[in-house]
């Protein structure tokens, strides 16, 4: 199969996962009020299994950890550079508008874990490090979100939190996976426990998309598809940012899996963490939700095209 067909098939499958949540909400079998509890299961249980399973069963080596560190730095550099470039282009006056500040951070923050990891795994089936790169991109996202990101959005230093950046479900799962990798867990963890981590982790993507499906059912479709700024942010996230990252890694002497993972993960839809940041400012929650949903739907077109660069 070609990279285009692999990515198209995987993104299509993920979009189909939206349908159960959408229809169950429409027939009132699922209430939007339930989402907070389901999100806790996703973040604390399924997400933990996803990242631990991706990291803990690799063979530790200096080369692996060097690549992980480099990927983290490149992800952070790409996110920060484009965000600052957008703020510079906007100018001092336009930066006062909350919606345009949201544009600058939403353009670089993607769903690299629950959405991105299955795609890069399918695209590089013989390269287990692709899932590791997804974990590193997610770590970069968390660090940026709770430092530069939250300050950009609120303009208040009091909201910057290294604790929130480093002590959260995703980061704890990544740290746990790295520790188990260093302890060569693959040699002593029972197969039944490994199967448990794998099975729980595999629930992450369907559950994440079902939650998005419920949110989609509660949205005003006219608002969703006619909000110009949501379209602009989606274009930035799905097209501009991955192409920016492609140019960033193109001249570097890196292997195709590394470069391809950077591009595909950079092209994932807007992350739900934008909702958390918007809630801190008590503004922009609807815009953040629109961006996450619209960019997820549009990714069926953009991610397969990006795979042609891999």
Protein backbone atom coordinates (compact mmCIF):
# COMPACT_ATOMS: atom_id res chain seq x y z
CA UNK A 1 0.00 0.00 0.00
CA UNK A 2 1.14 3.55 -0.71
CA UNK A 3 1.65 6.11 2.09
CA UNK A 4 -1.39 8.00 0.75
CA UNK A 5 -3.70 4.98 0.99
CA UNK A 6 -2.37 3.97 4.42
CA UNK A 7 -2.91 7.40 5.93
CA UNK A 8 -6.24 7.93 4.17
CA UNK A 9 -7.55 4.60 5.47
CA UNK A 10 -6.43 5.28 9.03
CA UNK A 11 -7.79 8.83 9.16
CA UNK A 12 -11.07 7.64 7.62
CA UNK A 13 -11.36 4.97 10.30
CA UNK A 14 -10.79 7.54 13.02
CA UNK A 15 -13.46 9.81 11.57
CA UNK A 16 -15.87 6.86 11.54
CA UNK A 17 -15.30 6.57 15.28
CA UNK A 18 -17.05 9.95 15.56
CA UNK A 19 -20.36 8.42 14.47
CA UNK A 20 -21.26 6.34 17.56
CA UNK A 21 -20.79 9.34 19.84
CA UNK A 22 -22.66 11.62 17.46
CA UNK A 23 -25.70 9.37 17.05
CA UNK A 24 -25.85 8.22 20.69
CA UNK A 25 -25.94 11.88 21.73
CA UNK A 26 -28.61 12.72 19.17
CA UNK A 27 -30.89 9.91 20.44
CA UNK A 28 -30.14 11.04 24.02
CA UNK A 29 -28.42 7.82 25.11
CA UNK A 30 -25.30 9.87 25.93
CA UNK A 31 -25.50 13.26 27.57
CA UNK A 32 -22.80 15.93 27.13
CA UNK A 33 -22.64 16.09 30.93
CA UNK A 34 -21.08 12.61 30.86
CA UNK A 35 -18.03 13.79 28.94
CA UNK A 36 -16.03 14.99 31.91
CA UNK A 37 -16.08 11.50 33.47
CA UNK A 38 -15.28 9.78 30.18
CA UNK A 39 -12.43 12.23 29.56
CA UNK A 40 -10.91 11.24 32.91
CA UNK A 41 -10.93 7.59 31.77
CA UNK A 42 -9.32 8.62 28.49
CA UNK A 43 -6.53 10.70 30.06
CA UNK A 44 -5.74 8.75 33.21
CA UNK A 45 -6.29 5.16 32.09
CA UNK A 46 -6.31 4.78 28.30
CA UNK A 47 -3.69 7.45 27.69
CA UNK A 48 -1.44 5.92 30.33
CA UNK A 49 -1.64 2.55 28.60
CA UNK A 50 -0.99 4.15 25.20
CA UNK A 51 2.27 5.88 26.15
CA UNK A 52 3.59 3.17 28.47
CA UNK A 53 3.02 0.54 25.78
CA UNK A 54 4.78 2.72 23.19
CA UNK A 55 7.89 3.30 25.30
CA UNK A 56 8.43 0.52 27.79
CA UNK A 57 9.09 -2.41 25.46
CA UNK A 58 11.88 -0.87 23.41
CA UNK A 59 15.53 -1.79 23.77
CA UNK A 60 17.25 1.12 25.53
CA UNK A 61 20.29 2.52 23.75
CA UNK A 62 22.18 5.82 23.61
CA UNK A 63 21.07 6.22 19.99
CA UNK A 64 17.38 5.83 20.90
CA UNK A 65 17.52 8.40 23.70
CA UNK A 66 19.56 10.79 21.56
CA UNK A 67 16.84 10.63 18.88
CA UNK A 68 14.13 11.11 21.50
CA UNK A 69 15.87 14.19 22.86
CA UNK A 70 16.48 15.60 19.39
CA UNK A 71 12.85 15.02 18.41
CA UNK A 72 11.67 16.81 21.55
CA UNK A 73 13.92 19.79 20.78
CA UNK A 74 12.84 19.97 17.12
CA UNK A 75 9.16 19.78 18.07
CA UNK A 76 9.60 22.54 20.67
CA UNK A 77 11.64 24.67 18.26
CA UNK A 78 9.11 24.29 15.44
CA UNK A 79 6.13 25.09 17.66
CA UNK A 80 7.77 28.07 19.34
CA UNK A 81 9.24 29.52 16.14
CA UNK A 82 6.00 29.48 14.16
CA UNK A 83 3.96 30.77 17.09
CA UNK A 84 6.32 33.72 17.59
CA UNK A 85 6.40 34.36 13.83
CA UNK A 86 2.60 34.58 13.75
CA UNK A 87 2.59 36.98 16.71
CA UNK A 88 5.22 39.10 14.98
CA UNK A 89 3.19 39.23 11.76
CA UNK A 90 0.03 40.16 13.66
CA UNK A 91 1.70 43.22 15.18
CA UNK A 92 1.23 44.87 18.56
CA UNK A 93 -2.34 46.07 18.06
CA UNK A 94 -3.82 42.85 16.68
CA UNK A 95 -2.10 40.84 19.41
CA UNK A 96 -4.50 42.50 21.84
CA UNK A 97 -7.38 40.50 20.31
CA UNK A 98 -7.94 37.24 22.17
CA UNK A 99 -9.09 35.36 19.06
CA UNK A 100 -5.89 36.19 17.18
CA UNK A 101 -3.75 35.14 20.13
CA UNK A 102 -5.67 31.88 20.04
CA UNK A 103 -4.74 31.58 16.36
CA UNK A 104 -1.03 31.76 17.21
CA UNK A 105 -1.11 28.84 19.65
CA UNK A 106 -3.82 26.72 18.01
CA UNK A 107 -1.78 26.64 14.79
CA UNK A 108 0.99 24.65 16.49
CA UNK A 109 -0.84 22.49 19.05
CA UNK A 110 -2.10 19.21 17.64
CA UNK A 111 -3.61 15.93 18.78
CA UNK A 112 -0.27 14.14 18.34
CA UNK A 113 -1.07 11.31 20.75
CA UNK A 114 -4.55 9.89 20.39
CA UNK A 115 -4.78 10.92 16.71
CA UNK A 116 -1.16 11.09 15.58
CA UNK A 117 0.28 7.91 17.08
CA UNK A 118 -2.00 5.46 15.20
CA UNK A 119 -1.22 7.24 11.92
CA UNK A 120 2.58 7.14 12.25
CA UNK A 121 2.43 3.56 13.51
CA UNK A 122 0.49 2.54 10.41
CA UNK A 123 2.74 4.56 8.12
CA UNK A 124 5.94 3.09 9.62
CA UNK A 125 4.89 -0.41 10.78
CA UNK A 126 8.46 -1.67 11.04
CA UNK A 127 9.70 1.31 13.07
CA UNK A 128 8.55 1.18 16.73
CA UNK A 129 10.37 4.46 17.34
CA UNK A 130 7.61 6.27 15.41
CA UNK A 131 5.30 5.84 18.42
CA UNK A 132 8.11 7.15 20.65
CA UNK A 133 8.34 10.27 18.49
CA UNK A 134 4.61 10.81 19.04
CA UNK A 135 5.23 10.67 22.79
CA UNK A 136 8.04 13.22 22.49
CA UNK A 137 5.88 15.56 20.42
CA UNK A 138 3.19 15.28 23.06
CA UNK A 139 5.74 16.15 25.75
CA UNK A 140 6.77 19.23 23.76
CA UNK A 141 3.10 20.20 23.42
CA UNK A 142 2.54 20.03 27.18
CA UNK A 143 5.67 22.03 27.97
CA UNK A 144 4.76 24.73 25.46
CA UNK A 145 1.07 24.85 26.40
CA UNK A 146 1.60 25.56 30.10
CA UNK A 147 4.46 28.04 29.64
CA UNK A 148 4.63 30.15 26.48
CA UNK A 149 1.16 29.09 25.32
CA UNK A 150 -0.81 30.02 28.43
CA UNK A 151 1.15 33.29 28.79
CA UNK A 152 0.45 34.21 25.15
CA UNK A 153 -3.25 33.56 25.58
CA UNK A 154 -3.79 35.24 28.95
CA UNK A 155 -0.95 37.76 29.09
CA UNK A 156 -0.50 36.89 32.77
CA UNK A 157 2.63 35.22 34.14
CA UNK A 158 0.70 33.82 37.11
CA UNK A 159 -0.82 31.16 34.85
CA UNK A 160 2.59 29.78 33.78
CA UNK A 161 2.99 26.44 35.54
CA UNK A 162 5.97 24.12 35.21
CA UNK A 163 4.10 21.76 37.50
CA UNK A 164 1.17 21.59 35.07
CA UNK A 165 3.64 21.14 32.19
CA UNK A 166 5.50 18.25 33.78
CA UNK A 167 3.00 16.69 36.20
CA UNK A 168 -0.03 15.67 34.17
CA UNK A 169 -1.40 12.31 33.01
CA UNK A 170 0.39 12.30 29.64
CA UNK A 171 3.78 13.33 31.00
CA UNK A 172 3.58 10.88 33.91
CA UNK A 173 2.82 8.11 31.43
CA UNK A 174 5.81 9.15 29.29
CA UNK A 175 8.12 9.23 32.33
CA UNK A 176 6.85 5.81 33.44
CA UNK A 177 7.41 4.38 29.96
CA UNK A 178 10.97 5.74 29.83
CA UNK A 179 11.78 4.28 33.27
CA UNK A 180 10.41 0.87 32.26
CA UNK A 181 12.41 1.07 29.04
CA UNK A 182 15.60 1.76 31.01
CA UNK A 183 14.76 -1.20 33.27
CA UNK A 184 14.37 -3.39 30.16
CA UNK A 185 10.78 -4.18 31.08
CA UNK A 186 10.30 -6.24 27.93
CA UNK A 187 12.49 -8.93 29.51
CA UNK A 188 10.58 -9.36 32.75
CA UNK A 189 7.04 -7.92 32.54
CA UNK A 190 4.54 -10.80 32.16
CA UNK A 191 2.86 -11.09 28.78
CA UNK A 192 -0.58 -10.75 30.37
CA UNK A 193 0.37 -7.35 31.81
CA UNK A 194 1.84 -6.26 28.50
CA UNK A 195 -1.39 -7.30 26.79
CA UNK A 196 -3.30 -5.26 29.36
CA UNK A 197 -1.31 -2.09 28.63
CA UNK A 198 -1.71 -2.68 24.89
CA UNK A 199 -5.47 -3.29 25.09
CA UNK A 200 -6.16 -0.27 27.31
CA UNK A 201 -3.94 1.92 25.13
CA UNK A 202 -5.73 0.74 22.00
CA UNK A 203 -8.98 2.11 23.43
CA UNK A 204 -7.56 5.65 23.42
CA UNK A 205 -8.20 6.65 19.82
CA UNK A 206 -11.77 5.26 19.53
CA UNK A 207 -12.73 6.78 22.88
CA UNK A 208 -11.17 10.15 21.99
CA UNK A 209 -13.09 10.26 18.72
CA UNK A 210 -16.35 9.15 20.34
CA UNK A 211 -16.00 12.08 22.76
CA UNK A 212 -15.46 14.41 19.79
CA UNK A 213 -18.53 12.87 18.16
CA UNK A 214 -20.65 13.78 21.19
CA UNK A 215 -19.29 17.33 21.08
CA UNK A 216 -20.05 17.49 17.37
CA UNK A 217 -23.67 16.50 18.08
CA UNK A 218 -24.02 19.48 20.43
CA UNK A 219 -22.56 21.99 17.97
CA UNK A 220 -24.44 24.34 15.70
CA UNK A 221 -23.31 23.12 12.26
CA UNK A 222 -23.83 26.54 10.76
CA UNK A 223 -21.47 28.06 13.32
CA UNK A 224 -18.99 25.23 12.94
CA UNK A 225 -18.63 25.57 9.19
CA UNK A 226 -19.03 29.34 8.86
CA UNK A 227 -16.59 30.60 11.50
CA UNK A 228 -13.85 32.14 9.37
CA UNK A 229 -11.25 32.14 12.10
CA UNK A 230 -11.77 28.42 12.71
CA UNK A 231 -11.08 27.79 9.02
CA UNK A 232 -7.97 29.98 9.17
CA UNK A 233 -6.67 28.19 12.26
CA UNK A 234 -7.42 24.79 10.71
CA UNK A 235 -5.51 25.76 7.57
CA UNK A 236 -2.59 26.89 9.67
CA UNK A 237 -2.60 23.71 11.74
CA UNK A 238 -3.14 21.22 8.91
CA UNK A 239 -1.09 22.86 6.15
CA UNK A 240 1.18 25.71 7.28
CA UNK A 241 2.66 24.11 10.40
CA UNK A 242 3.53 20.72 8.85
CA UNK A 243 5.09 22.43 5.81
CA UNK A 244 7.02 24.71 8.15
CA UNK A 245 8.32 21.63 10.02
CA UNK A 246 9.08 19.89 6.72
CA UNK A 247 11.35 22.77 5.72
CA UNK A 248 12.86 22.74 9.20
CA UNK A 249 14.01 19.10 9.01
CA UNK A 250 14.60 18.86 5.25
CA UNK A 251 18.31 19.87 5.32
CA UNK A 252 19.10 17.83 8.46
CA UNK A 253 20.88 14.44 8.15
CA UNK A 254 18.02 12.46 9.70
CA UNK A 255 16.43 9.16 8.70
CA UNK A 256 13.10 9.06 6.79
CA UNK A 257 11.11 7.77 9.79
CA UNK A 258 12.29 10.71 11.91
CA UNK A 259 11.52 13.30 9.24
CA UNK A 260 8.24 11.67 8.24
CA UNK A 261 7.06 11.52 11.85
CA UNK A 262 7.80 15.22 12.32
CA UNK A 263 5.71 16.15 9.28
CA UNK A 264 2.74 13.85 9.94
CA UNK A 265 2.53 14.67 13.65
CA UNK A 266 2.78 18.39 12.91
CA UNK A 267 -0.20 17.97 10.58
CA UNK A 268 -2.55 16.45 13.16
CA UNK A 269 -5.79 18.31 14.06
CA UNK A 270 -5.99 20.94 16.80
CA UNK A 271 -5.53 19.56 20.31
CA UNK A 272 -8.25 19.53 22.95
CA UNK A 273 -5.80 21.18 25.38
CA UNK A 274 -6.88 24.44 23.70
CA UNK A 275 -10.17 24.08 25.56
CA UNK A 276 -8.30 23.93 28.88
CA UNK A 277 -6.33 27.07 28.05
CA UNK A 278 -9.46 28.90 26.89
CA UNK A 279 -11.24 28.00 30.14
CA UNK A 280 -8.42 29.61 32.14
CA UNK A 281 -9.13 32.88 30.30
CA UNK A 282 -12.91 32.30 30.53
CA UNK A 283 -13.10 33.12 26.83
CA UNK A 284 -12.88 31.34 23.49
CA UNK A 285 -14.18 27.91 24.51
CA UNK A 286 -16.51 27.75 21.52
CA UNK A 287 -13.73 28.78 19.12
CA UNK A 288 -11.38 26.15 20.59
CA UNK A 289 -14.04 23.45 20.22
CA UNK A 290 -14.80 24.56 16.65
CA UNK A 291 -11.11 24.38 15.72
CA UNK A 292 -10.70 20.89 17.18
CA UNK A 293 -13.76 19.54 15.38
CA UNK A 294 -13.30 21.31 12.04
CA UNK A 295 -9.61 20.45 11.76
CA UNK A 296 -10.35 16.82 12.64
CA UNK A 297 -12.89 16.57 9.83
CA UNK A 298 -10.61 18.32 7.31
CA UNK A 299 -7.64 16.11 8.17
CA UNK A 300 -9.09 13.36 5.95
CA UNK A 301 -7.89 15.52 3.04
CA UNK A 302 -4.65 16.98 4.37
CA UNK A 303 -2.84 14.15 6.17
CA UNK A 304 -2.87 11.77 3.16
CA UNK A 305 -1.47 14.60 1.03
CA UNK A 306 1.25 15.28 3.61
CA UNK A 307 2.21 11.61 3.47
CA UNK A 308 3.37 12.19 -0.10
CA UNK A 309 6.23 14.24 1.38
CA UNK A 310 7.39 11.31 3.52
